[in-house]
Amino acid sequence: MRGIAVTPEFAVADTDIGMTAEQQAKLFQDFTQADAATAQKFGGTGLGLAISRKLARMMGGDMTVQSEPGKGSVFAVRLPTGAPNNKDATVAPMPAP
């Protein structure tokens, strides 16, 4: 009997300033940051989230954000494992170094 593929989700939440829908729409674009003032204060190139989402999608998953101004944000990554979701599934041990 074949099991159902498992797709774990990892999420990180914060209670910071949050983002508007307009900021969220630009967030995963190359060389773009949600707010220019934040970019000036903390630096960065605006590539981290774009690369992360592209990698997740290349592996058959996705990276998303949910946010509300004044309430914070939740970033989530879902990556399918290809492992069956059943009690008979086994995991091979890693070889010794």
C-alpha atoms as a PDB file:
ATOM      1  CA  MET A   1       0.000   0.000   0.000  1.00  0.00           C
ATOM      2  CA  ARG A   2       1.329   3.408  -0.920  1.00  0.00           C
ATOM      3  CA  GLY A   3       1.371   6.226   1.653  1.00  0.00           C
ATOM      4  CA  ILE A   4       0.668   9.917   1.252  1.00  0.00           C
ATOM      5  CA  ALA A   5       3.675  12.206   0.771  1.00  0.00           C
ATOM      6  CA  VAL A   6       4.538  14.309   3.802  1.00  0.00           C
ATOM      7  CA  THR A   7       4.989  18.072   3.397  1.00  0.00           C
ATOM      8  CA  PRO A   8       6.212  19.619   6.647  1.00  0.00           C
ATOM      9  CA  GLU A   9       5.793  23.338   7.204  1.00  0.00           C
ATOM     10  CA  PHE A  10       8.244  25.457   9.154  1.00  0.00           C
ATOM     11  CA  ALA A  11       7.028  28.853  10.290  1.00  0.00           C
ATOM     12  CA  VAL A  12       8.638  31.801  12.041  1.00  0.00           C
ATOM     13  CA  ALA A  13       6.463  34.489  13.599  1.00  0.00           C
ATOM     14  CA  ASP A  14       7.325  37.891  14.993  1.00  0.00           C
ATOM     15  CA  THR A  15       5.385  40.675  16.670  1.00  0.00           C
ATOM     16  CA  ASP A  16       7.296  43.491  15.002  1.00  0.00           C
ATOM     17  CA  ILE A  17       5.836  46.292  12.856  1.00  0.00           C
ATOM     18  CA  GLY A  18       4.227  44.030  10.248  1.00  0.00           C
ATOM     19  CA  MET A  19       3.764  44.848   6.568  1.00  0.00           C
ATOM     20  CA  THR A  20       1.070  46.196   4.291  1.00  0.00           C
ATOM     21  CA  ALA A  21      -0.279  44.124   1.390  1.00  0.00           C
ATOM     22  CA  GLU A  22       1.734  46.352  -0.981  1.00  0.00           C
ATOM     23  CA  GLN A  23       4.971  45.621   0.908  1.00  0.00           C
ATOM     24  CA  GLN A  24       4.217  41.886   0.961  1.00  0.00           C
ATOM     25  CA  ALA A  25       3.644  41.883  -2.806  1.00  0.00           C
ATOM     26  CA  LYS A  26       7.212  43.158  -3.378  1.00  0.00           C
ATOM     27  CA  LEU A  27       8.923  41.174  -0.652  1.00  0.00           C
ATOM     28  CA  PHE A  28      10.094  38.178  -2.722  1.00  0.00           C
ATOM     29  CA  GLN A  29      11.363  40.228  -5.676  1.00  0.00           C
ATOM     30  CA  ASP A  30      15.120  40.371  -6.300  1.00  0.00           C
ATOM     31  CA  PHE A  31      16.876  43.404  -4.803  1.00  0.00           C
ATOM     32  CA  THR A  32      13.683  44.635  -3.124  1.00  0.00           C
ATOM     33  CA  GLN A  33      13.025  45.254   0.545  1.00  0.00           C
ATOM     34  CA  ALA A  34       9.681  45.977   2.169  1.00  0.00           C
ATOM     35  CA  ASP A  35      10.685  49.435   3.351  1.00  0.00           C
ATOM     36  CA  ALA A  36      13.516  51.719   2.227  1.00  0.00           C
ATOM     37  CA  ALA A  37      14.012  53.119   5.741  1.00  0.00           C
ATOM     38  CA  THR A  38      14.561  49.627   7.141  1.00  0.00           C
ATOM     39  CA  ALA A  39      17.035  48.875   4.350  1.00  0.00           C
ATOM     40  CA  GLN A  40      19.023  51.995   5.199  1.00  0.00           C
ATOM     41  CA  LYS A  41      19.028  51.200   8.915  1.00  0.00           C
ATOM     42  CA  PHE A  42      19.859  47.477   8.752  1.00  0.00           C
ATOM     43  CA  GLY A  43      21.455  47.043   5.316  1.00  0.00           C
ATOM     44  CA  GLY A  44      21.084  43.998   3.124  1.00  0.00           C
ATOM     45  CA  THR A  45      20.667  43.520  -0.601  1.00  0.00           C
ATOM     46  CA  GLY A  46      17.082  42.308  -0.760  1.00  0.00           C
ATOM     47  CA  LEU A  47      18.093  38.891  -2.091  1.00  0.00           C
ATOM     48  CA  GLY A  48      17.677  36.593   0.915  1.00  0.00           C
ATOM     49  CA  LEU A  49      13.922  36.040   0.700  1.00  0.00           C
ATOM     50  CA  ALA A  50      13.939  35.954  -3.108  1.00  0.00           C
ATOM     51  CA  ILE A  51      16.601  33.216  -3.129  1.00  0.00           C
ATOM     52  CA  SER A  52      14.879  31.296  -0.329  1.00  0.00           C
ATOM     53  CA  ARG A  53      11.550  31.249  -2.177  1.00  0.00           C
ATOM     54  CA  LYS A  54      13.218  30.209  -5.450  1.00  0.00           C
ATOM     55  CA  LEU A  55      15.004  27.315  -3.717  1.00  0.00           C
ATOM     56  CA  ALA A  56      11.799  26.191  -2.009  1.00  0.00           C
ATOM     57  CA  ARG A  57       9.933  26.242  -5.343  1.00  0.00           C
ATOM     58  CA  MET A  58      12.763  24.358  -7.093  1.00  0.00           C
ATOM     59  CA  MET A  59      12.272  21.608  -4.499  1.00  0.00           C
ATOM     60  CA  GLY A  60       8.508  21.490  -5.101  1.00  0.00           C
ATOM     61  CA  GLY A  61       7.559  23.624  -2.102  1.00  0.00           C
ATOM     62  CA  ASP A  62       6.956  27.288  -1.422  1.00  0.00           C
ATOM     63  CA  MET A  63       7.716  30.156   0.947  1.00  0.00           C
ATOM     64  CA  THR A  64       4.965  32.557   1.967  1.00  0.00           C
ATOM     65  CA  VAL A  65       4.335  35.483   4.288  1.00  0.00           C
ATOM     66  CA  GLN A  66       1.251  36.617   6.159  1.00  0.00           C
ATOM     67  CA  SER A  67       1.436  39.989   7.833  1.00  0.00           C
ATOM     68  CA  GLU A  68      -0.619  42.812   9.218  1.00  0.00           C
ATOM     69  CA  PRO A  69       0.690  46.300  10.002  1.00  0.00           C
ATOM     70  CA  GLY A  70       1.231  46.748  13.731  1.00  0.00           C
ATOM     71  CA  LYS A  71       0.766  43.026  14.466  1.00  0.00           C
ATOM     72  CA  GLY A  72       3.786  41.270  12.991  1.00  0.00           C
ATOM     73  CA  SER A  73       4.486  38.665  10.324  1.00  0.00           C
ATOM     74  CA  VAL A  74       4.554  34.907   9.841  1.00  0.00           C
ATOM     75  CA  PHE A  75       6.964  33.453   7.290  1.00  0.00           C
ATOM     76  CA  ALA A  76       6.334  29.825   6.313  1.00  0.00           C
ATOM     77  CA  VAL A  77       8.306  27.314   4.245  1.00  0.00           C
ATOM     78  CA  ARG A  78       6.767  24.088   2.974  1.00  0.00           C
ATOM     79  CA  LEU A  79       9.025  21.420   1.455  1.00  0.00           C
ATOM     80  CA  PRO A  80       7.726  18.017   0.355  1.00  0.00           C
ATOM     81  CA  THR A  81       9.868  15.191   1.652  1.00  0.00           C
ATOM     82  CA  GLY A  82       8.771  12.487  -0.741  1.00  0.00           C
ATOM     83  CA  ALA A  83       8.515  10.184   2.276  1.00  0.00           C
ATOM     84  CA  PRO A  84       5.294   8.218   2.692  1.00  0.00           C
ATOM     85  CA  ASN A  85       3.102   9.128   5.646  1.00  0.00           C
ATOM     86  CA  ASN A  86       2.451   5.667   7.068  1.00  0.00           C
ATOM     87  CA  LYS A  87       3.525   3.534   9.988  1.00  0.00           C
ATOM     88  CA  ASP A  88       5.507   1.150   7.750  1.00  0.00           C
ATOM     89  CA  ALA A  89       7.859   3.868   6.499  1.00  0.00           C
ATOM     90  CA  THR A  90      11.515   3.441   7.334  1.00  0.00           C
ATOM     91  CA  VAL A  91      14.427   5.836   7.274  1.00  0.00           C
ATOM     92  CA  ALA A  92      17.833   4.570   6.218  1.00  0.00           C
ATOM     93  CA  PRO A  93      20.659   5.434   8.626  1.00  0.00           C
ATOM     94  CA  MET A  94      23.306   7.893   7.479  1.00  0.00           C
ATOM     95  CA  PRO A  95      26.637   6.271   6.594  1.00  0.00           C
ATOM     96  CA  ALA A  96      29.478   6.752   9.033  1.00  0.00           C
ATOM     97  CA  PRO A  97      31.958   9.502   8.081  1.00  0.00           C
END
